[in-house]
Protein backbone atom coordinates (compact mmCIF):
# COMPACT_ATOMS: atom_id res chain seq x y z
CA MET A 1 0.00 0.00 0.00
CA GLY A 2 1.41 3.40 -0.98
CA ALA A 3 1.81 6.22 1.52
CA THR A 4 -1.12 8.19 0.05
CA ARG A 5 -3.49 5.22 0.28
CA TYR A 6 -2.24 4.49 3.81
CA TYR A 7 -3.07 8.02 5.00
CA GLU A 8 -6.42 8.04 3.22
CA SER A 9 -7.36 4.84 5.08
CA MET A 10 -6.23 6.43 8.38
CA LYS A 11 -8.38 9.58 7.95
CA ASN A 12 -11.53 8.32 9.68
CA LYS A 13 -9.84 5.81 11.95
CA LEU A 14 -10.11 6.45 15.67
CA SER A 15 -6.74 5.99 17.37
CA PHE A 16 -5.94 5.93 21.08
CA TYR A 17 -2.88 7.35 22.81
CA GLN A 18 -1.94 6.85 26.44
CA ILE A 19 -1.27 10.07 28.29
CA VAL A 20 0.13 10.79 31.73
CA VAL A 21 -1.19 13.81 33.65
CA GLU A 22 0.63 15.02 36.75
CA PRO A 23 0.10 18.02 39.01
CA CYS A 24 2.77 20.74 38.80
CA GLU A 25 4.37 22.08 41.98
CA GLU A 26 3.59 25.65 40.92
CA GLY A 27 -0.04 24.75 40.18
CA GLY A 28 -1.83 23.39 37.16
CA PHE A 29 -1.16 20.09 35.42
CA PHE A 30 1.42 18.69 32.99
CA ALA A 31 0.41 16.07 30.40
CA THR A 32 2.67 13.91 28.24
CA CYS A 33 2.17 11.22 25.62
CA PRO A 34 4.96 8.62 26.08
CA LEU A 35 4.41 7.06 22.62
CA LEU A 36 5.00 10.34 20.77
CA GLN A 37 8.32 11.96 21.64
CA GLY A 38 8.01 15.66 22.38
CA CYS A 39 4.24 15.65 22.93
CA HIS A 40 3.51 17.48 26.15
CA ALA A 41 1.17 20.22 27.32
CA GLU A 42 0.10 22.11 30.41
CA GLY A 43 -3.23 23.31 31.71
CA GLU A 44 -4.62 25.22 34.66
CA THR A 45 -7.00 22.31 35.33
CA PHE A 46 -6.84 18.55 34.79
CA GLY A 47 -9.40 18.83 31.98
CA GLU A 48 -7.57 21.70 30.31
CA ALA A 49 -4.33 19.70 30.34
CA ILE A 50 -6.15 16.81 28.63
CA ASP A 51 -7.71 19.12 26.02
CA ASN A 52 -4.30 20.70 25.36
CA ILE A 53 -2.44 17.38 24.99
CA LYS A 54 -5.12 16.19 22.54
CA ASP A 55 -4.41 19.28 20.41
CA VAL A 56 -0.65 18.67 20.63
CA ILE A 57 -1.05 15.00 19.66
CA GLN A 58 -3.20 15.96 16.65
CA ALA A 59 -0.63 18.56 15.52
CA HIS A 60 2.17 16.00 15.95
CA LEU A 61 0.26 13.45 13.86
CA ASP A 62 -0.48 16.05 11.17
CA VAL A 63 3.24 16.85 10.83
CA ARG A 64 4.11 13.15 10.62
CA GLN A 65 1.48 12.69 7.93
CA GLU A 66 2.75 15.70 5.94
CA ASN A 67 6.27 14.22 6.07
CA GLY A 68 5.10 10.76 5.04
CA GLU A 69 6.16 9.21 8.36
CA ILE A 70 4.52 6.20 9.97
CA ILE A 71 2.02 7.14 12.66
CA PRO A 72 2.20 4.90 15.73
CA SER A 73 -1.03 4.10 17.52
CA ILE A 74 -2.61 1.54 19.77
CA GLU A 75 -5.34 -0.54 18.14
CA PHE A 76 -7.99 -2.53 19.97
CA LYS A 77 -10.16 -5.31 18.57
CA SER A 78 -12.61 -4.55 21.35
CA PHE A 79 -12.61 -1.58 23.69
CA PRO A 80 -10.52 -2.41 26.77
CA LYS A 81 -11.56 -1.84 30.34
CA ILE A 82 -9.55 1.16 31.49
CA ASN A 83 -8.90 1.84 35.16
CA PHE A 84 -7.55 5.13 36.41
CA GLN A 85 -7.50 7.24 39.51
CA VAL A 86 -8.59 10.87 39.66
CA LEU A 87 -8.60 13.13 42.69
CA VAL A 88 -11.92 14.92 43.09
CA PRO A 89 -11.94 18.00 45.34
CA VAL A 90 -14.89 18.16 47.77
CA ARG A 91 -15.49 20.70 50.53
């Protein structure tokens, strides 16, 4: 399959990327995507950090596509059960 056909087939495909979100000492949150070198973002809130890293991942993938590079992703035959922990502030 040629590169053009490969990217055309990837257009509507939903891909998943693991991210790590950690609180920053100075406040806010820092998100990284270990699979994609250089993909990281910050946000004032946990949700903002997630929104920002999604934008960074998309931009990273767009550049890879423009350069004809292979785009790594995690594929699932069925949606996996995902467990994670989130701190929820309550007063």
